[in-house]
Amino acid sequence: MTPAKVRLTFPSELVRRPVIGELVRRFDVLPNIRRADVNDDVGWIVCELDGSPDRVGKAIAWMEEVGVHVDRLEHPLES
């Protein structure tokens, strides 16, 4: 399995919610955070999501449902 490389952008209402923790518990997906920047107004994380393709797909769909903007990346250090 090749990890999915993504940039996650969190709007202000989600900055304090433990979305990454929920992701791990709900979908058994392991994030490898490569870069991040978080403040009171917005946050973003560039990471690799490791897990079965089905679980990673469901995890991404769930994040989009709760309001996280997900961009798929070619290179893990893109930002």
Protein backbone atom coordinates (compact mmCIF):
# COMPACT_ATOMS: atom_id res chain seq x y z
CA MET A 1 0.00 0.00 0.00
CA THR A 2 1.26 3.44 -0.91
CA PRO A 3 0.17 6.12 1.57
CA ALA A 4 -2.18 8.81 0.27
CA LYS A 5 -0.46 12.20 0.32
CA VAL A 6 -2.85 15.00 1.26
CA ARG A 7 -3.07 18.58 2.42
CA LEU A 8 -5.81 19.06 4.99
CA THR A 9 -7.14 22.58 5.55
CA PHE A 10 -9.20 23.17 8.69
CA PRO A 11 -11.58 26.15 8.95
CA SER A 12 -11.68 28.09 12.23
CA GLU A 13 -14.60 26.07 13.63
CA LEU A 14 -12.55 22.84 13.32
CA VAL A 15 -9.14 24.10 14.50
CA ARG A 16 -9.73 22.96 18.09
CA ARG A 17 -11.53 19.70 17.22
CA PRO A 18 -9.28 16.59 17.43
CA VAL A 19 -10.03 15.55 13.84
CA ILE A 20 -6.77 13.63 13.39
CA GLY A 21 -7.39 11.68 16.60
CA GLU A 22 -10.92 10.87 15.48
CA LEU A 23 -9.55 9.77 12.10
CA VAL A 24 -7.17 7.28 13.73
CA ARG A 25 -9.87 5.83 16.01
CA ARG A 26 -12.68 5.67 13.47
CA PHE A 27 -10.81 4.37 10.43
CA ASP A 28 -7.57 2.77 11.68
CA VAL A 29 -5.61 5.09 9.39
CA LEU A 30 -2.14 6.22 10.46
CA PRO A 31 -1.21 9.83 9.57
CA ASN A 32 2.44 10.78 9.10
CA ILE A 33 2.47 14.57 9.48
CA ARG A 34 5.14 16.16 7.29
CA ARG A 35 4.32 19.87 7.66
CA ALA A 36 1.72 21.87 9.54
CA ASP A 37 0.67 25.33 10.57
CA VAL A 38 -2.22 26.02 12.94
CA ASN A 39 -3.53 29.26 14.43
CA ASP A 40 -6.90 30.47 15.75
CA ASP A 41 -8.36 31.18 12.31
CA VAL A 42 -7.21 28.31 10.13
CA GLY A 43 -4.93 25.30 10.16
CA TRP A 44 -3.36 23.08 7.56
CA ILE A 45 -1.49 19.81 7.66
CA VAL A 46 0.45 18.06 4.89
CA CYS A 47 0.55 14.37 5.68
CA GLU A 48 0.59 10.83 4.37
CA LEU A 49 -2.38 8.66 5.32
CA ASP A 50 -1.38 5.02 5.63
CA GLY A 51 -3.91 2.22 5.68
CA SER A 52 -5.95 0.07 3.34
CA PRO A 53 -7.24 1.98 0.29
CA ASP A 54 -10.82 1.40 1.47
CA ARG A 55 -10.14 2.82 4.95
CA VAL A 56 -8.18 5.79 3.61
CA GLY A 57 -10.97 6.56 1.12
CA LYS A 58 -13.60 6.43 3.87
CA ALA A 59 -11.42 8.59 6.13
CA ILE A 60 -11.03 11.24 3.43
CA ALA A 61 -14.77 11.22 2.69
CA TRP A 62 -15.54 11.61 6.40
CA MET A 63 -13.12 14.55 6.77
CA GLU A 64 -14.76 16.29 3.82
CA GLU A 65 -18.19 15.68 5.38
CA VAL A 66 -17.16 17.36 8.66
CA GLY A 67 -15.73 20.37 6.79
CA VAL A 68 -12.03 19.68 6.23
CA HIS A 69 -10.84 20.65 2.75
CA VAL A 70 -8.76 17.75 1.35
CA ASP A 71 -6.30 18.18 -1.54
CA ARG A 72 -4.47 15.13 -2.86
CA LEU A 73 -0.77 15.75 -3.46
CA GLU A 74 1.84 14.14 -5.70
CA HIS A 75 4.77 14.87 -3.39
CA PRO A 76 4.53 14.66 0.43
CA LEU A 77 6.25 18.01 0.99
CA GLU A 78 4.00 20.03 -1.33
CA SER A 79 2.17 22.80 0.46
